[in-house]
Amino acid sequence: MDGSIQDTATGAPGRKFIKSRGMKFPKNSDFITGPIRGALRAGNYEQRETETVLKVVQKDDVVIELGAGIGYMSTLVATKRQVKSVHAFEANPHLISYIKDVHKANDVENVTVTNAILGPRKGQVDFFVRKNFIGSSMQEVKGTNVVSVEKIEVLNANSVFKKIKPTVLICDIEGAEADLFPALDLTGLRAAIVELHPQWIGQKGVQAVFDAMHKAGLTYWPRGSDAKVVTFRNDW
């Protein structure tokens, strides 16, 4: 058994999926590469974040996700928790159609996917798409197999937060957290799960993240934190 299943309900016989924690992920070699495929089948893809998210997210939460990846976390909270809505933002334009395919395969209807980055002000930014999509980011690093440079829309982060009114933040944005959080009003959140990237942001950047969270009344929660995945809550 390889963890794959065939679609029998969507009218697309023969289309294959990988099943992970009860969720279905369409087979696509552009995004579901060997290591990701193995982690999905074993049920340990994004394991640290997954365990924390399942502890933190509650019924009727409004979740904002920065860095949607393959659509794993947005599908997880939409199918495993009775959330009100999920708003997923992803910079890599090549991932958007796949994320939507994942949501469709899992009958997810309360997730909005936006191809954009949140920042202090509206504009555009260069986004470096790499052969290994996980390493794609706004940082230009020589010798890292950049396959394209895309102009991505930047949305005003505070305006987005005011409109959505999220209660939980899930964030994995490859080092941009150190610049974004200090400029963002996070006071409406009751919890935030953040994957830090100290290799990009250094000690000062990590401190900036903690300071921004504490300013918003969110305290580091040890039980929901593991190495670079850190959780902040206002109610523990």
Protein backbone atom coordinates (compact mmCIF):
# COMPACT_ATOMS: atom_id res chain seq x y z
CA MET A 1 0.00 0.00 0.00
CA ASP A 2 1.42 3.39 -0.99
CA GLY A 3 -1.16 5.67 0.61
CA SER A 4 -2.70 6.52 -2.78
CA ILE A 5 -6.40 6.42 -3.55
CA GLN A 6 -8.41 6.91 -6.72
CA ASP A 7 -11.12 9.50 -7.13
CA THR A 8 -14.53 7.83 -7.27
CA ALA A 9 -16.73 10.80 -6.42
CA THR A 10 -15.75 13.73 -8.61
CA GLY A 11 -16.36 12.27 -12.03
CA ALA A 12 -12.64 11.97 -12.74
CA PRO A 13 -11.99 8.21 -12.66
CA GLY A 14 -8.33 7.31 -12.56
CA ARG A 15 -7.18 10.51 -10.93
CA LYS A 16 -4.97 9.57 -8.03
CA PHE A 17 -4.59 11.13 -4.62
CA ILE A 18 -2.33 10.71 -1.65
CA LYS A 19 -4.22 10.34 1.60
CA SER A 20 -2.82 11.98 4.74
CA ARG A 21 -4.62 12.29 8.09
CA GLY A 22 -7.89 11.71 6.27
CA MET A 23 -7.20 14.45 3.69
CA LYS A 24 -6.67 13.95 -0.05
CA PHE A 25 -3.86 15.53 -2.05
CA PRO A 26 -3.86 15.19 -5.85
CA LYS A 27 -0.73 13.60 -7.22
CA ASN A 28 1.31 16.29 -8.97
CA SER A 29 5.05 15.77 -9.37
CA ASP A 30 5.66 19.52 -9.61
CA PHE A 31 4.69 19.97 -5.96
CA ILE A 32 4.32 16.54 -4.38
CA THR A 33 7.95 15.51 -4.63
CA GLY A 34 9.52 12.44 -3.02
CA PRO A 35 10.13 13.81 0.50
CA ILE A 36 6.72 15.53 0.63
CA ARG A 37 4.98 12.44 -0.71
CA GLY A 38 6.66 10.28 1.91
CA ALA A 39 5.79 12.68 4.74
CA LEU A 40 2.16 12.89 3.63
CA ARG A 41 1.82 9.11 3.46
CA ALA A 42 3.43 8.71 6.88
CA GLY A 43 1.14 11.37 8.34
CA ASN A 44 4.02 13.52 9.56
CA TYR A 45 4.03 16.32 7.00
CA GLU A 46 4.39 19.64 8.88
CA GLN A 47 4.02 17.57 12.02
CA ARG A 48 5.06 20.25 14.53
CA GLU A 49 2.68 22.82 13.12
CA THR A 50 -0.10 20.25 12.72
CA GLU A 51 -0.06 19.12 16.34
CA THR A 52 -0.07 22.72 17.55
CA VAL A 53 -2.80 23.87 15.18
CA LEU A 54 -5.06 21.03 16.30
CA LYS A 55 -4.51 22.07 19.92
CA VAL A 56 -5.10 25.77 19.33
CA VAL A 57 -7.75 26.24 16.63
CA GLN A 58 -11.32 26.10 17.92
CA LYS A 59 -14.85 26.07 16.57
CA ASP A 60 -15.90 29.37 14.94
CA ASP A 61 -12.35 30.71 14.70
CA VAL A 62 -11.47 32.95 11.77
CA VAL A 63 -8.05 31.80 10.61
CA ILE A 64 -5.58 33.76 8.51
CA GLU A 65 -2.74 31.77 6.98
CA LEU A 66 0.34 33.50 5.57
CA GLY A 67 2.24 31.09 3.36
CA ALA A 68 -0.33 28.53 2.24
CA GLY A 69 2.13 26.09 0.62
CA ILE A 70 0.32 23.09 -0.86
CA GLY A 71 -2.90 23.92 1.00
CA TYR A 72 -2.21 21.49 3.84
CA MET A 73 -2.91 23.73 6.84
CA SER A 74 -5.95 25.43 5.36
CA THR A 75 -7.44 22.02 4.54
CA LEU A 76 -6.54 20.69 7.98
CA VAL A 77 -8.33 23.42 9.94
CA ALA A 78 -11.28 23.48 7.55
CA THR A 79 -11.86 19.73 7.82
CA LYS A 80 -10.77 18.97 11.38
CA ARG A 81 -12.14 22.02 13.17
CA GLN A 82 -15.49 23.75 12.61
CA VAL A 83 -13.91 27.10 11.82
CA LYS A 84 -15.95 29.99 10.52
CA SER A 85 -13.53 30.71 7.68
CA VAL A 86 -9.92 30.46 6.54
CA HIS A 87 -8.13 33.16 4.55
CA ALA A 88 -4.98 31.77 2.94
CA PHE A 89 -2.35 33.98 1.31
CA GLU A 90 0.37 32.50 -0.89
CA ALA A 91 3.06 34.39 -2.80
CA ASN A 92 4.02 31.65 -5.26
CA PRO A 93 1.60 31.97 -8.21
CA HIS A 94 2.41 28.45 -9.40
CA LEU A 95 0.86 26.97 -6.25
CA ILE A 96 -2.54 28.66 -6.39
CA SER A 97 -4.30 26.23 -8.73
CA TYR A 98 -2.93 23.25 -6.83
CA ILE A 99 -4.14 24.64 -3.48
CA LYS A 100 -7.60 25.07 -4.97
CA ASP A 101 -7.48 21.49 -6.30
CA VAL A 102 -6.70 20.26 -2.78
CA HIS A 103 -9.64 22.19 -1.34
CA LYS A 104 -11.97 20.85 -4.02
CA ALA A 105 -10.79 17.27 -3.44
CA ASN A 106 -11.64 17.63 0.25
CA ASP A 107 -14.99 19.41 -0.26
CA VAL A 108 -13.65 22.52 1.45
CA GLU A 109 -15.81 25.58 0.76
CA ASN A 110 -14.94 28.06 3.52
CA VAL A 111 -11.37 28.88 2.45
CA THR A 112 -10.44 31.94 0.39
CA VAL A 113 -7.08 31.74 -1.41
CA THR A 114 -5.27 34.91 -2.48
CA ASN A 115 -2.05 35.14 -4.50
CA ALA A 116 -0.46 38.04 -2.63
CA ILE A 117 1.93 39.08 0.12
CA LEU A 118 0.98 41.19 3.12
CA GLY A 119 3.18 44.18 3.89
CA PRO A 120 3.22 47.64 5.52
CA ARG A 121 1.79 49.23 2.38
CA LYS A 122 0.34 48.30 -1.01
CA GLY A 123 2.66 47.72 -3.94
CA GLN A 124 4.58 45.00 -5.74
CA VAL A 125 7.60 42.91 -4.87
CA ASP A 126 9.93 40.47 -6.62
CA PHE A 127 9.34 36.87 -5.59
CA PHE A 128 11.99 34.29 -6.41
CA VAL A 129 10.46 30.97 -7.42
CA ARG A 130 12.90 28.09 -6.95
CA LYS A 131 12.94 24.58 -8.37
CA ASN A 132 12.28 23.35 -4.85
CA PHE A 133 9.14 25.42 -4.24
CA ILE A 134 9.60 25.25 -0.46
CA GLY A 135 12.68 27.46 -0.79
CA SER A 136 10.89 30.14 -2.83
CA SER A 137 11.00 33.53 -1.13
CA MET A 138 11.52 37.26 -1.50
CA GLN A 139 15.22 36.80 -0.77
CA GLU A 140 17.57 36.62 -3.74
CA VAL A 141 20.23 34.03 -2.94
CA LYS A 142 22.75 33.12 -5.63
CA GLY A 143 23.07 29.48 -6.59
CA THR A 144 19.64 28.43 -5.30
CA ASN A 145 18.02 27.23 -8.57
CA VAL A 146 15.73 30.20 -9.22
CA VAL A 147 13.42 29.25 -12.10
CA SER A 148 11.55 32.55 -12.36
CA VAL A 149 11.15 35.95 -10.75
CA GLU A 150 7.52 36.96 -10.37
CA LYS A 151 6.00 40.37 -9.62
CA ILE A 152 3.62 39.73 -6.73
CA GLU A 153 0.99 42.08 -5.34
CA VAL A 154 1.59 43.39 -1.82
CA LEU A 155 -1.56 44.12 0.17
CA ASN A 156 -1.68 46.45 3.14
CA ALA A 157 -1.50 44.04 6.08
CA ASN A 158 -3.40 46.18 8.58
CA SER A 159 -6.21 46.77 6.10
CA VAL A 160 -6.50 43.03 5.47
CA PHE A 161 -6.54 42.25 9.19
CA LYS A 162 -9.21 44.90 9.83
CA LYS A 163 -11.39 43.45 7.07
CA ILE A 164 -10.98 39.77 7.97
CA LYS A 165 -10.79 40.15 11.78
CA PRO A 166 -8.86 36.90 12.31
CA THR A 167 -8.70 35.21 15.69
CA VAL A 168 -5.84 32.84 14.82
CA LEU A 169 -2.74 33.41 12.70
CA ILE A 170 -0.77 30.58 11.08
CA CYS A 171 2.42 31.87 9.49
CA ASP A 172 5.29 30.41 7.46
CA ILE A 173 6.67 33.14 5.20
CA GLU A 174 10.38 32.32 4.89
CA GLY A 175 11.82 35.12 7.01
CA ALA A 176 9.41 37.96 6.20
CA GLU A 177 7.89 37.64 9.67
CA ALA A 178 10.56 39.88 11.23
CA ASP A 179 9.62 42.85 9.02
CA LEU A 180 5.86 42.25 8.92
CA PHE A 181 4.86 41.71 12.54
CA PRO A 182 6.27 44.92 14.08
CA ALA A 183 4.24 46.95 11.55
CA LEU A 184 1.03 44.96 12.07
CA ASP A 185 -1.78 45.39 14.60
CA LEU A 186 -2.07 41.90 16.08
CA THR A 187 -4.30 42.82 19.02
CA GLY A 188 -7.36 41.05 17.60
CA LEU A 189 -5.68 37.65 17.71
CA ARG A 190 -6.11 35.16 20.51
CA ALA A 191 -3.35 32.90 19.16
CA ALA A 192 -0.54 32.79 16.60
CA ILE A 193 1.49 29.83 15.34
CA VAL A 194 4.66 30.98 13.59
CA GLU A 195 7.50 29.09 11.97
CA LEU A 196 10.58 31.22 12.57
CA HIS A 197 13.47 31.38 10.10
CA PRO A 198 16.49 32.40 12.19
CA GLN A 199 18.78 31.49 9.29
CA TRP A 200 17.22 34.46 7.46
CA ILE A 201 16.32 36.91 10.23
CA GLY A 202 18.98 36.31 12.90
CA GLN A 203 18.69 37.07 16.59
CA LYS A 204 17.35 40.60 16.06
CA GLY A 205 14.61 39.30 13.80
CA VAL A 206 13.55 36.62 16.27
CA GLN A 207 13.45 39.24 19.02
CA ALA A 208 11.33 41.50 16.80
CA VAL A 209 8.76 38.72 16.38
CA PHE A 210 8.54 38.08 20.14
CA ASP A 211 8.33 41.81 20.90
CA ALA A 212 5.49 42.32 18.40
CA MET A 213 3.54 39.41 19.87
CA HIS A 214 4.04 40.55 23.46
CA LYS A 215 2.98 44.08 22.51
CA ALA A 216 -0.29 42.60 21.25
CA GLY A 217 -0.86 40.72 24.53
CA LEU A 218 0.19 37.34 23.12
CA THR A 219 2.55 35.33 25.33
CA TYR A 220 4.91 32.57 24.25
CA TRP A 221 3.21 29.21 24.91
CA PRO A 222 5.82 26.49 25.59
CA ARG A 223 3.38 23.55 25.25
CA GLY A 224 2.58 24.55 21.68
CA SER A 225 6.14 25.36 20.66
CA ASP A 226 8.85 23.10 19.25
CA ALA A 227 12.20 24.43 18.01
CA LYS A 228 11.49 26.93 15.21
CA VAL A 229 7.71 26.54 15.49
CA VAL A 230 6.56 28.95 18.19
CA THR A 231 3.09 29.61 19.54
CA PHE A 232 1.72 32.69 21.24
CA ARG A 233 -1.58 32.89 23.10
CA ASN A 234 -3.50 35.42 25.15
CA ASP A 235 -5.42 32.91 27.25
CA TRP A 236 -3.16 30.31 28.79
